Each structure stands twice: as structure tokens, then as C-alpha cells.
């Protein structure tokens, strides 16, 4: 099965751990590539490469301020990921309900002892 191109799919783009780190960093606000590279301990060309991929799939936007280019999170690009993960919400709710029932039963048993 052929793998989808990294630059056309948010899922593939965020499969790379360093790109997820960049997105997490950009949640706090816009940053120039030099800050991203320094904060995450990567080379500037490496950070630029990851930012380019994230921008191409719509997860990051860039704007110029003077000579500086600031990168910021564009969370709208995460919608397909959010919708896909949301499909598992019922599973987690049922798991938490079963865990809650188990803990309540355990508390009741200990109180009766």
C-alpha cells in the first residue's frame, strides 16, 4: 500500500514527533524559526523543514514582521484529526464508566469489611 505524501495529509505530518513538539510549542504563540530551533534543540534548517511541512498541510501559518517571519499554530488544520479521534469518544466514555463502577464497588466492599 502506497503511503500518502507527507505534505498533503495532516495525519502523516503529525506522525513525526518533532512536528508534534513544534505544534505544542506554537500553542503558546507565534515564534520565529530561530526560537523554535533553540527551544526544541534542533538545527535551524531542520526546524525550517518541519515548519514547511506543517505549513503545507495547513497546521501552521506564517506572517512577516519586518525582516522576521513568525510561525503560528493554525488549529483549523487539525480538524480531520480531531474528528477521527472523536470517533473513539464512546469507547473511552464506556471505559471510564466501567472504571468508575469498579472503584465504587471496591469502596463499598472495603466499607463493609
PDB file of N, CA and C in Angstrom:
ATOM      1  N   UNK A   1       0.844  -1.178   0.000  1.00  0.00           N
ATOM      2  CA  UNK A   1       0.000   0.000   0.000  1.00  0.00           C
ATOM      3  C   UNK A   1       0.886   1.237   0.000  1.00  0.00           C
ATOM      4  N   UNK A   2       0.638   2.103  -0.916  1.00  0.00           N
ATOM      5  CA  UNK A   2       1.440   3.320  -1.020  1.00  0.00           C
ATOM      6  C   UNK A   2       1.131   4.264   0.140  1.00  0.00           C
ATOM      7  N   UNK A   3       2.142   4.890   0.648  1.00  0.00           N
ATOM      8  CA  UNK A   3       1.992   5.830   1.751  1.00  0.00           C
ATOM      9  C   UNK A   3       1.598   7.192   1.189  1.00  0.00           C
ATOM     10  N   UNK A   4       0.661   7.860   1.887  1.00  0.00           N
ATOM     11  CA  UNK A   4       0.242   9.193   1.452  1.00  0.00           C
ATOM     12  C   UNK A   4       1.406  10.167   1.582  1.00  0.00           C
ATOM     13  N   UNK A   5       1.451  11.113   0.704  1.00  0.00           N
ATOM     14  CA  UNK A   5       2.506  12.116   0.742  1.00  0.00           C
ATOM     15  C   UNK A   5       2.417  12.919   2.043  1.00  0.00           C
ATOM     16  N   UNK A   6       3.547  13.127   2.685  1.00  0.00           N
ATOM     17  CA  UNK A   6       3.591  13.838   3.953  1.00  0.00           C
ATOM     18  C   UNK A   6       3.028  15.239   3.843  1.00  0.00           C
ATOM     19  N   UNK A   7       3.244  15.844   2.710  1.00  0.00           N
ATOM     20  CA  UNK A   7       2.841  17.233   2.583  1.00  0.00           C
ATOM     21  C   UNK A   7       1.368  17.414   2.255  1.00  0.00           C
ATOM     22  N   UNK A   8       0.627  16.349   2.098  1.00  0.00           N
ATOM     23  CA  UNK A   8      -0.779  16.517   1.746  1.00  0.00           C
ATOM     24  C   UNK A   8      -1.730  16.026   2.823  1.00  0.00           C
ATOM     25  N   UNK A   9      -1.204  15.544   3.936  1.00  0.00           N
ATOM     26  CA  UNK A   9      -2.063  14.910   4.911  1.00  0.00           C
ATOM     27  C   UNK A   9      -1.630  15.286   6.331  1.00  0.00           C
ATOM     28  N   UNK A  10      -2.561  15.816   7.123  1.00  0.00           N
ATOM     29  CA  UNK A  10      -2.237  16.217   8.497  1.00  0.00           C
ATOM     30  C   UNK A  10      -1.811  15.020   9.329  1.00  0.00           C
ATOM     31  N   UNK A  11      -2.407  13.852   9.095  1.00  0.00           N
ATOM     32  CA  UNK A  11      -2.052  12.657   9.868  1.00  0.00           C
ATOM     33  C   UNK A  11      -0.577  12.301   9.665  1.00  0.00           C
ATOM     34  N   UNK A  12      -0.131  12.282   8.441  1.00  0.00           N
ATOM     35  CA  UNK A  12       1.274  11.970   8.178  1.00  0.00           C
ATOM     36  C   UNK A  12       2.190  13.060   8.724  1.00  0.00           C
ATOM     37  N   UNK A  13       1.756  14.296   8.606  1.00  0.00           N
ATOM     38  CA  UNK A  13       2.599  15.395   9.085  1.00  0.00           C
ATOM     39  C   UNK A  13       2.825  15.302  10.590  1.00  0.00           C
ATOM     40  N   UNK A  14       1.785  14.965  11.345  1.00  0.00           N
ATOM     41  CA  UNK A  14       1.953  14.915  12.798  1.00  0.00           C
ATOM     42  C   UNK A  14       2.457  13.558  13.286  1.00  0.00           C
ATOM     43  N   UNK A  15       2.666  12.626  12.363  1.00  0.00           N
ATOM     44  CA  UNK A  15       3.261  11.349  12.745  1.00  0.00           C
ATOM     45  C   UNK A  15       4.705  11.537  13.185  1.00  0.00           C
ATOM     46  N   UNK A  16       5.345  12.578  12.734  1.00  0.00           N
ATOM     47  CA  UNK A  16       6.727  12.900  13.105  1.00  0.00           C
ATOM     48  C   UNK A  16       6.711  13.571  14.479  1.00  0.00           C
ATOM     49  N   UNK A  17       7.372  12.963  15.496  1.00  0.00           N
ATOM     50  CA  UNK A  17       7.340  13.515  16.859  1.00  0.00           C
ATOM     51  C   UNK A  17       7.823  14.965  16.958  1.00  0.00           C
ATOM     52  N   UNK A  18       8.836  15.338  16.196  1.00  0.00           N
ATOM     53  CA  UNK A  18       9.341  16.716  16.296  1.00  0.00           C
ATOM     54  C   UNK A  18       8.309  17.717  15.775  1.00  0.00           C
ATOM     55  N   UNK A  19       7.505  17.304  14.826  1.00  0.00           N
ATOM     56  CA  UNK A  19       6.446  18.205  14.337  1.00  0.00           C
ATOM     57  C   UNK A  19       5.372  18.383  15.397  1.00  0.00           C
ATOM     58  N   UNK A  20       5.081  17.308  16.117  1.00  0.00           N
ATOM     59  CA  UNK A  20       4.120  17.451  17.225  1.00  0.00           C
ATOM     60  C   UNK A  20       4.689  18.369  18.289  1.00  0.00           C
ATOM     61  N   UNK A  21       6.001  18.265  18.549  1.00  0.00           N
ATOM     62  CA  UNK A  21       6.638  19.167  19.519  1.00  0.00           C
ATOM     63  C   UNK A  21       6.523  20.623  19.055  1.00  0.00           C
ATOM     64  N   UNK A  22       6.714  20.846  17.777  1.00  0.00           N
ATOM     65  CA  UNK A  22       6.598  22.208  17.236  1.00  0.00           C
ATOM     66  C   UNK A  22       5.173  22.723  17.416  1.00  0.00           C
ATOM     67  N   UNK A  23       4.190  21.908  17.099  1.00  0.00           N
ATOM     68  CA  UNK A  23       2.801  22.339  17.270  1.00  0.00           C
ATOM     69  C   UNK A  23       2.503  22.650  18.729  1.00  0.00           C
ATOM     70  N   UNK A  24       3.015  21.820  19.628  1.00  0.00           N
ATOM     71  CA  UNK A  24       2.792  22.075  21.059  1.00  0.00           C
ATOM     72  C   UNK A  24       3.449  23.391  21.468  1.00  0.00           C
ATOM     73  N   UNK A  25       4.629  23.655  20.965  1.00  0.00           N
ATOM     74  CA  UNK A  25       5.326  24.908  21.278  1.00  0.00           C
ATOM     75  C   UNK A  25       4.548  26.107  20.749  1.00  0.00           C
ATOM     76  N   UNK A  26       4.001  25.974  19.555  1.00  0.00           N
ATOM     77  CA  UNK A  26       3.293  27.098  18.933  1.00  0.00           C
ATOM     78  C   UNK A  26       1.912  27.340  19.545  1.00  0.00           C
ATOM     79  N   UNK A  27       1.449  26.420  20.394  1.00  0.00           N
ATOM     80  CA  UNK A  27       0.184  26.667  21.103  1.00  0.00           C
ATOM     81  C   UNK A  27       0.289  27.919  21.961  1.00  0.00           C
ATOM     82  N   UNK A  28       1.499  28.197  22.451  1.00  0.00           N
ATOM     83  CA  UNK A  28       1.718  29.344  23.339  1.00  0.00           C
ATOM     84  C   UNK A  28       1.787  30.660  22.574  1.00  0.00           C
ATOM     85  N   UNK A  29       1.942  30.589  21.258  1.00  0.00           N
ATOM     86  CA  UNK A  29       2.002  31.811  20.475  1.00  0.00           C
ATOM     87  C   UNK A  29       3.009  31.718  19.344  1.00  0.00           C
ATOM     88  N   UNK A  30       3.025  32.758  18.551  1.00  0.00           N
ATOM     89  CA  UNK A  30       3.902  32.795  17.387  1.00  0.00           C
ATOM     90  C   UNK A  30       5.364  32.862  17.798  1.00  0.00           C
ATOM     91  N   UNK A  31       6.197  32.268  16.952  1.00  0.00           N
ATOM     92  CA  UNK A  31       7.643  32.279  17.197  1.00  0.00           C
ATOM     93  C   UNK A  31       8.393  32.275  15.870  1.00  0.00           C
ATOM     94  N   UNK A  32       9.558  32.897  15.854  1.00  0.00           N
ATOM     95  CA  UNK A  32      10.408  32.779  14.662  1.00  0.00           C
ATOM     96  C   UNK A  32      11.093  31.413  14.666  1.00  0.00           C
ATOM     97  N   UNK A  33      11.566  31.018  13.515  1.00  0.00           N
ATOM     98  CA  UNK A  33      12.182  29.690  13.391  1.00  0.00           C
ATOM     99  C   UNK A  33      13.375  29.536  14.325  1.00  0.00           C
ATOM    100  N   UNK A  34      14.103  30.612  14.585  1.00  0.00           N
ATOM    101  CA  UNK A  34      15.257  30.502  15.477  1.00  0.00           C
ATOM    102  C   UNK A  34      14.823  30.106  16.887  1.00  0.00           C
ATOM    103  N   UNK A  35      13.709  30.644  17.363  1.00  0.00           N
ATOM    104  CA  UNK A  35      13.201  30.263  18.690  1.00  0.00           C
ATOM    105  C   UNK A  35      12.745  28.808  18.701  1.00  0.00           C
ATOM    106  N   UNK A  36      12.064  28.405  17.636  1.00  0.00           N
ATOM    107  CA  UNK A  36      11.590  27.023  17.558  1.00  0.00           C
ATOM    108  C   UNK A  36      12.784  26.073  17.618  1.00  0.00           C
ATOM    109  N   UNK A  37      13.814  26.372  16.828  1.00  0.00           N
ATOM    110  CA  UNK A  37      15.003  25.513  16.797  1.00  0.00           C
ATOM    111  C   UNK A  37      15.680  25.474  18.161  1.00  0.00           C
ATOM    112  N   UNK A  38      15.855  26.623  18.794  1.00  0.00           N
ATOM    113  CA  UNK A  38      16.525  26.686  20.091  1.00  0.00           C
ATOM    114  C   UNK A  38      15.714  25.960  21.163  1.00  0.00           C
ATOM    115  N   UNK A  39      14.416  26.240  21.218  1.00  0.00           N
ATOM    116  CA  UNK A  39      13.561  25.637  22.256  1.00  0.00           C
ATOM    117  C   UNK A  39      13.512  24.111  22.154  1.00  0.00           C
ATOM    118  N   UNK A  40      13.558  23.605  20.938  1.00  0.00           N
ATOM    119  CA  UNK A  40      13.420  22.162  20.745  1.00  0.00           C
ATOM    120  C   UNK A  40      14.745  21.458  20.486  1.00  0.00           C
ATOM    121  N   UNK A  41      15.840  22.211  20.537  1.00  0.00           N
ATOM    122  CA  UNK A  41      17.163  21.602  20.396  1.00  0.00           C
ATOM    123  C   UNK A  41      17.408  20.999  19.026  1.00  0.00           C
ATOM    124  N   UNK A  42      16.928  21.663  17.998  1.00  0.00           N
ATOM    125  CA  UNK A  42      17.162  21.170  16.640  1.00  0.00           C
ATOM    126  C   UNK A  42      17.870  22.243  15.833  1.00  0.00           C
ATOM    127  N   UNK A  43      18.409  21.847  14.698  1.00  0.00           N
ATOM    128  CA  UNK A  43      19.075  22.820  13.838  1.00  0.00           C
ATOM    129  C   UNK A  43      18.025  23.735  13.201  1.00  0.00           C
ATOM    130  N   UNK A  44      18.449  24.923  12.805  1.00  0.00           N
ATOM    131  CA  UNK A  44      17.512  25.834  12.149  1.00  0.00           C
ATOM    132  C   UNK A  44      17.013  25.267  10.820  1.00  0.00           C
ATOM    133  N   UNK A  45      17.911  24.652   9.999  1.00  0.00           N
ATOM    134  CA  UNK A  45      17.388  24.047   8.769  1.00  0.00           C
ATOM    135  C   UNK A  45      16.389  22.919   9.051  1.00  0.00           C
ATOM    136  N   UNK A  46      16.647  22.164  10.105  1.00  0.00           N
ATOM    137  CA  UNK A  46      15.713  21.094  10.466  1.00  0.00           C
ATOM    138  C   UNK A  46      14.368  21.659  10.894  1.00  0.00           C
ATOM    139  N   UNK A  47      14.396  22.698  11.715  1.00  0.00           N
ATOM    140  CA  UNK A  47      13.150  23.335  12.150  1.00  0.00           C
ATOM    141  C   UNK A  47      12.417  23.929  10.950  1.00  0.00           C
ATOM    142  N   UNK A  48      13.167  24.558  10.054  1.00  0.00           N
ATOM    143  CA  UNK A  48      12.548  25.143   8.849  1.00  0.00           C
ATOM    144  C   UNK A  48      11.875  24.078   8.000  1.00  0.00           C
ATOM    145  N   UNK A  49      12.525  22.937   7.878  1.00  0.00           N
ATOM    146  CA  UNK A  49      11.961  21.846   7.080  1.00  0.00           C
ATOM    147  C   UNK A  49      10.637  21.365   7.688  1.00  0.00           C
ATOM    148  N   UNK A  50      10.631  21.171   9.001  1.00  0.00           N
ATOM    149  CA  UNK A  50       9.401  20.708   9.653  1.00  0.00           C
ATOM    150  C   UNK A  50       8.302  21.778   9.571  1.00  0.00           C
ATOM    151  N   UNK A  51       8.680  23.029   9.749  1.00  0.00           N
ATOM    152  CA  UNK A  51       7.692  24.113   9.653  1.00  0.00           C
ATOM    153  C   UNK A  51       7.106  24.199   8.245  1.00  0.00           C
ATOM    154  N   UNK A  52       7.936  23.957   7.242  1.00  0.00           N
ATOM    155  CA  UNK A  52       7.436  23.986   5.869  1.00  0.00           C
ATOM    156  C   UNK A  52       6.384  22.901   5.655  1.00  0.00           C
ATOM    157  N   UNK A  53       6.669  21.694   6.143  1.00  0.00           N
ATOM    158  CA  UNK A  53       5.698  20.597   6.010  1.00  0.00           C
ATOM    159  C   UNK A  53       4.407  20.947   6.740  1.00  0.00           C
ATOM    160  N   UNK A  54       4.536  21.459   7.959  1.00  0.00           N
ATOM    161  CA  UNK A  54       3.344  21.808   8.741  1.00  0.00           C
ATOM    162  C   UNK A  54       2.538  22.920   8.069  1.00  0.00           C
ATOM    163  N   UNK A  55       3.245  23.849   7.442  1.00  0.00           N
ATOM    164  CA  UNK A  55       2.554  24.940   6.732  1.00  0.00           C
ATOM    165  C   UNK A  55       1.837  24.402   5.496  1.00  0.00           C
ATOM    166  N   UNK A  56       2.469  23.483   4.779  1.00  0.00           N
ATOM    167  CA  UNK A  56       1.877  22.940   3.553  1.00  0.00           C
ATOM    168  C   UNK A  56       0.598  22.147   3.805  1.00  0.00           C
ATOM    169  N   UNK A  57       0.471  21.555   4.991  1.00  0.00           N
ATOM    170  CA  UNK A  57      -0.761  20.807   5.293  1.00  0.00           C
ATOM    171  C   UNK A  57      -1.755  21.658   6.080  1.00  0.00           C
ATOM    172  N   UNK A  58      -1.420  22.933   6.283  1.00  0.00           N
ATOM    173  CA  UNK A  58      -2.361  23.853   6.918  1.00  0.00           C
ATOM    174  C   UNK A  58      -2.390  23.817   8.427  1.00  0.00           C
ATOM    175  N   UNK A  59      -1.324  23.333   9.050  1.00  0.00           N
ATOM    176  CA  UNK A  59      -1.287  23.295  10.509  1.00  0.00           C
ATOM    177  C   UNK A  59      -0.559  24.497  11.106  1.00  0.00           C
ATOM    178  N   UNK A  60       0.204  25.174  10.272  1.00  0.00           N
ATOM    179  CA  UNK A  60       0.986  26.324  10.702  1.00  0.00           C
ATOM    180  C   UNK A  60       0.802  27.438   9.682  1.00  0.00           C
ATOM    181  N   UNK A  61       0.704  28.656  10.167  1.00  0.00           N
ATOM    182  CA  UNK A  61       0.642  29.823   9.283  1.00  0.00           C
ATOM    183  C   UNK A  61       1.894  30.653   9.558  1.00  0.00           C
ATOM    184  N   UNK A  62       2.237  31.472   8.615  1.00  0.00           N
ATOM    185  CA  UNK A  62       3.412  32.321   8.778  1.00  0.00           C
ATOM    186  C   UNK A  62       3.051  33.732   8.353  1.00  0.00           C
ATOM    187  N   UNK A  63       3.626  34.685   9.070  1.00  0.00           N
ATOM    188  CA  UNK A  63       3.423  36.082   8.689  1.00  0.00           C
ATOM    189  C   UNK A  63       4.745  36.826   8.895  1.00  0.00           C
ATOM    190  N   UNK A  64       4.935  37.819   8.072  1.00  0.00           N
ATOM    191  CA  UNK A  64       6.160  38.592   8.151  1.00  0.00           C
ATOM    192  C   UNK A  64       5.970  39.812   9.032  1.00  0.00           C
ATOM    193  N   UNK A  65       6.960  40.055   9.876  1.00  0.00           N
ATOM    194  CA  UNK A  65       7.005  41.253  10.715  1.00  0.00           C
ATOM    195  C   UNK A  65       8.391  41.844  10.497  1.00  0.00           C
ATOM    196  N   UNK A  66       8.458  42.870   9.662  1.00  0.00           N
ATOM    197  CA  UNK A  66       9.767  43.393   9.291  1.00  0.00           C
ATOM    198  C   UNK A  66      10.513  42.332   8.503  1.00  0.00           C
ATOM    199  N   UNK A  67      11.728  42.043   8.924  1.00  0.00           N
ATOM    200  CA  UNK A  67      12.514  41.007   8.250  1.00  0.00           C
ATOM    201  C   UNK A  67      12.263  39.619   8.839  1.00  0.00           C
ATOM    202  N   UNK A  68      11.499  39.573   9.908  1.00  0.00           N
ATOM    203  CA  UNK A  68      11.281  38.314  10.608  1.00  0.00           C
ATOM    204  C   UNK A  68       9.991  37.632  10.126  1.00  0.00           C
ATOM    205  N   UNK A  69      10.051  36.306  10.087  1.00  0.00           N
ATOM    206  CA  UNK A  69       8.863  35.516   9.761  1.00  0.00           C
ATOM    207  C   UNK A  69       8.439  34.790  11.028  1.00  0.00           C
ATOM    208  N   UNK A  70       7.195  35.032  11.442  1.00  0.00           N
ATOM    209  CA  UNK A  70       6.679  34.411  12.658  1.00  0.00           C
ATOM    210  C   UNK A  70       5.749  33.268  12.281  1.00  0.00           C
ATOM    211  N   UNK A  71       5.965  32.124  12.916  1.00  0.00           N
ATOM    212  CA  UNK A  71       5.144  30.944  12.685  1.00  0.00           C
ATOM    213  C   UNK A  71       4.161  30.789  13.829  1.00  0.00           C
ATOM    214  N   UNK A  72       2.930  30.477  13.468  1.00  0.00           N
ATOM    215  CA  UNK A  72       1.897  30.283  14.479  1.00  0.00           C
ATOM    216  C   UNK A  72       1.044  29.071  14.158  1.00  0.00           C
ATOM    217  N   UNK A  73       0.428  28.529  15.176  1.00  0.00           N
ATOM    218  CA  UNK A  73      -0.442  27.368  15.026  1.00  0.00           C
ATOM    219  C   UNK A  73      -1.711  27.760  14.277  1.00  0.00           C
ATOM    220  N   UNK A  74      -2.128  26.928  13.337  1.00  0.00           N
ATOM    221  CA  UNK A  74      -3.423  27.088  12.671  1.00  0.00           C
ATOM    222  C   UNK A  74      -4.219  25.819  12.983  1.00  0.00           C
ATOM    223  N   UNK A  75      -4.919  25.854  14.107  1.00  0.00           N
ATOM    224  CA  UNK A  75      -5.589  24.657  14.620  1.00  0.00           C
ATOM    225  C   UNK A  75      -6.691  24.155  13.688  1.00  0.00           C
ATOM    226  N   UNK A  76      -7.129  24.985  12.748  1.00  0.00           N
ATOM    227  CA  UNK A  76      -8.170  24.515  11.817  1.00  0.00           C
ATOM    228  C   UNK A  76      -7.697  23.300  11.030  1.00  0.00           C
ATOM    229  N   UNK A  77      -6.394  23.218  10.792  1.00  0.00           N
ATOM    230  CA  UNK A  77      -5.841  22.085  10.053  1.00  0.00           C
ATOM    231  C   UNK A  77      -5.912  20.780  10.829  1.00  0.00           C
ATOM    232  N   UNK A  78      -6.128  20.880  12.153  1.00  0.00           N
ATOM    233  CA  UNK A  78      -6.228  19.674  12.975  1.00  0.00           C
ATOM    234  C   UNK A  78      -7.641  19.087  12.984  1.00  0.00           C
ATOM    235  N   UNK A  79      -8.592  19.762  12.331  1.00  0.00           N
ATOM    236  CA  UNK A  79      -9.980  19.289  12.355  1.00  0.00           C
ATOM    237  C   UNK A  79     -10.121  17.834  11.911  1.00  0.00           C
ATOM    238  N   UNK A  80      -9.501  17.402  10.792  1.00  0.00           N
ATOM    239  CA  UNK A  80      -9.657  15.983  10.400  1.00  0.00           C
ATOM    240  C   UNK A  80      -9.141  15.028  11.483  1.00  0.00           C
ATOM    241  N   UNK A  81      -8.063  15.407  12.150  1.00  0.00           N
ATOM    242  CA  UNK A  81      -7.509  14.565  13.217  1.00  0.00           C
ATOM    243  C   UNK A  81      -8.474  14.547  14.399  1.00  0.00           C
ATOM    244  N   UNK A  82      -8.985  15.716  14.757  1.00  0.00           N
ATOM    245  CA  UNK A  82      -9.921  15.827  15.871  1.00  0.00           C
ATOM    246  C   UNK A  82     -11.178  15.000  15.604  1.00  0.00           C
ATOM    247  N   UNK A  83     -11.696  15.093  14.390  1.00  0.00           N
ATOM    248  CA  UNK A  83     -12.908  14.345  14.061  1.00  0.00           C
ATOM    249  C   UNK A  83     -12.659  12.842  14.091  1.00  0.00           C
ATOM    250  N   UNK A  84     -11.502  12.433  13.632  1.00  0.00           N
ATOM    251  CA  UNK A  84     -11.192  10.999  13.639  1.00  0.00           C
ATOM    252  C   UNK A  84     -11.055  10.495  15.074  1.00  0.00           C
ATOM    253  N   UNK A  85     -10.320  11.215  15.889  1.00  0.00           N
ATOM    254  CA  UNK A  85     -10.128  10.816  17.292  1.00  0.00           C
ATOM    255  C   UNK A  85     -11.469  10.847  18.033  1.00  0.00           C
ATOM    256  N   UNK A  86     -12.322  11.822  17.694  1.00  0.00           N
ATOM    257  CA  UNK A  86     -13.625  11.927  18.333  1.00  0.00           C
ATOM    258  C   UNK A  86     -14.474  10.677  18.133  1.00  0.00           C
ATOM    259  N   UNK A  87     -14.213   9.929  17.094  1.00  0.00           N
ATOM    260  CA  UNK A  87     -14.936   8.692  16.843  1.00  0.00           C
ATOM    261  C   UNK A  87     -14.692   7.636  17.899  1.00  0.00           C
ATOM    262  N   UNK A  88     -13.658   7.825  18.691  1.00  0.00           N
ATOM    263  CA  UNK A  88     -13.330   6.875  19.755  1.00  0.00           C
ATOM    264  C   UNK A  88     -13.840   7.343  21.114  1.00  0.00           C
ATOM    265  N   UNK A  89     -14.550   8.444  21.157  1.00  0.00           N
ATOM    266  CA  UNK A  89     -15.018   9.014  22.423  1.00  0.00           C
ATOM    267  C   UNK A  89     -15.915   8.033  23.171  1.00  0.00           C
ATOM    268  N   UNK A  90     -16.811   7.363  22.459  1.00  0.00           N
ATOM    269  CA  UNK A  90     -17.707   6.425  23.114  1.00  0.00           C
ATOM    270  C   UNK A  90     -16.918   5.314  23.805  1.00  0.00           C
ATOM    271  N   UNK A  91     -15.857   4.828  23.166  1.00  0.00           N
ATOM    272  CA  UNK A  91     -15.021   3.788  23.765  1.00  0.00           C
ATOM    273  C   UNK A  91     -14.453   4.268  25.089  1.00  0.00           C
ATOM    274  N   UNK A  92     -13.901   5.491  25.098  1.00  0.00           N
ATOM    275  CA  UNK A  92     -13.291   6.000  26.322  1.00  0.00           C
ATOM    276  C   UNK A  92     -14.331   6.285  27.390  1.00  0.00           C
ATOM    277  N   UNK A  93     -15.480   6.805  26.994  1.00  0.00           N
ATOM    278  CA  UNK A  93     -16.530   7.056  27.985  1.00  0.00           C
ATOM    279  C   UNK A  93     -16.980   5.756  28.633  1.00  0.00           C
ATOM    280  N   UNK A  94     -17.159   4.706  27.825  1.00  0.00           N
ATOM    281  CA  UNK A  94     -17.562   3.414  28.385  1.00  0.00           C
ATOM    282  C   UNK A  94     -16.474   2.844  29.283  1.00  0.00           C
ATOM    283  N   UNK A  95     -15.209   3.025  28.901  1.00  0.00           N
ATOM    284  CA  UNK A  95     -14.102   2.536  29.734  1.00  0.00           C
ATOM    285  C   UNK A  95     -14.068   3.273  31.060  1.00  0.00           C
ATOM    286  N   UNK A  96     -14.245   4.589  31.025  1.00  0.00           N
ATOM    287  CA  UNK A  96     -14.247   5.366  32.272  1.00  0.00           C
ATOM    288  C   UNK A  96     -15.447   5.017  33.137  1.00  0.00           C
ATOM    289  N   UNK A  97     -16.596   4.750  32.512  1.00  0.00           N
ATOM    290  CA  UNK A  97     -17.776   4.344  33.274  1.00  0.00           C
ATOM    291  C   UNK A  97     -17.529   3.011  33.975  1.00  0.00           C
ATOM    292  N   UNK A  98     -16.921   2.061  33.257  1.00  0.00           N
ATOM    293  CA  UNK A  98     -16.622   0.757  33.879  1.00  0.00           C
ATOM    294  C   UNK A  98     -15.615   0.929  35.008  1.00  0.00           C
ATOM    295  N   UNK A  99     -14.615   1.776  34.820  1.00  0.00           N
ATOM    296  CA  UNK A  99     -13.625   2.021  35.866  1.00  0.00           C
ATOM    297  C   UNK A  99     -14.284   2.670  37.080  1.00  0.00           C
ATOM    298  N   UNK A 100     -15.178   3.617  36.841  1.00  0.00           N
ATOM    299  CA  UNK A 100     -15.871   4.282  37.933  1.00  0.00           C
ATOM    300  C   UNK A 100     -16.717   3.282  38.715  1.00  0.00           C
ATOM    301  N   UNK A 101     -17.411   2.416  38.012  1.00  0.00           N
ATOM    302  CA  UNK A 101     -18.222   1.387  38.671  1.00  0.00           C
ATOM    303  C   UNK A 101     -17.327   0.470  39.504  1.00  0.00           C
ATOM    304  N   UNK A 102     -16.199   0.064  38.966  1.00  0.00           N
ATOM    305  CA  UNK A 102     -15.265  -0.810  39.681  1.00  0.00           C
ATOM    306  C   UNK A 102     -14.774  -0.134  40.964  1.00  0.00           C
ATOM    307  N   UNK A 103     -14.390   1.141  40.872  1.00  0.00           N
ATOM    308  CA  UNK A 103     -13.877   1.862  42.046  1.00  0.00           C
ATOM    309  C   UNK A 103     -14.976   2.018  43.090  1.00  0.00           C
ATOM    310  N   UNK A 104     -16.187   2.339  42.656  1.00  0.00           N
ATOM    311  CA  UNK A 104     -17.299   2.472  43.608  1.00  0.00           C
ATOM    312  C   UNK A 104     -17.585   1.142  44.298  1.00  0.00           C
ATOM    313  N   UNK A 105     -17.566   0.054  43.543  1.00  0.00           N
ATOM    314  CA  UNK A 105     -17.783  -1.272  44.133  1.00  0.00           C
ATOM    315  C   UNK A 105     -16.673  -1.608  45.113  1.00  0.00           C
ATOM    316  N   UNK A 106     -15.455  -1.273  44.778  1.00  0.00           N
ATOM    317  CA  UNK A 106     -14.313  -1.537  45.657  1.00  0.00           C
ATOM    318  C   UNK A 106     -14.439  -0.740  46.958  1.00  0.00           C
ATOM    319  N   UNK A 107     -14.835   0.530  46.865  1.00  0.00           N
ATOM    320  CA  UNK A 107     -15.035   1.350  48.066  1.00  0.00           C
ATOM    321  C   UNK A 107     -16.130   0.764  48.941  1.00  0.00           C
ATOM    322  N   UNK A 108     -17.209   0.346  48.305  1.00  0.00           N
ATOM    323  CA  UNK A 108     -18.335  -0.229  49.043  1.00  0.00           C
ATOM    324  C   UNK A 108     -17.894  -1.502  49.767  1.00  0.00           C
ATOM    325  N   UNK A 109     -17.139  -2.342  49.096  1.00  0.00           N
ATOM    326  CA  UNK A 109     -16.663  -3.599  49.688  1.00  0.00           C
ATOM    327  C   UNK A 109     -15.764  -3.315  50.882  1.00  0.00           C
ATOM    328  N   UNK A 110     -14.892  -2.341  50.779  1.00  0.00           N
ATOM    329  CA  UNK A 110     -13.968  -2.017  51.880  1.00  0.00           C
ATOM    330  C   UNK A 110     -14.713  -1.410  53.074  1.00  0.00           C
ATOM    331  N   UNK A 111     -15.754  -0.634  52.788  1.00  0.00           N
ATOM    332  CA  UNK A 111     -16.530  -0.057  53.886  1.00  0.00           C
ATOM    333  C   UNK A 111     -17.300  -1.139  54.642  1.00  0.00           C
ATOM    334  N   UNK A 112     -17.700  -2.169  53.934  1.00  0.00           N
ATOM    335  CA  UNK A 112     -18.470  -3.242  54.560  1.00  0.00           C
ATOM    336  C   UNK A 112     -17.591  -4.187  55.364  1.00  0.00           C
ATOM    337  N   UNK A 113     -16.276  -4.186  55.108  1.00  0.00           N
ATOM    338  CA  UNK A 113     -15.366  -5.109  55.808  1.00  0.00           C
ATOM    339  C   UNK A 113     -15.024  -4.629  57.204  1.00  0.00           C
TER     340      UNK A 113
END
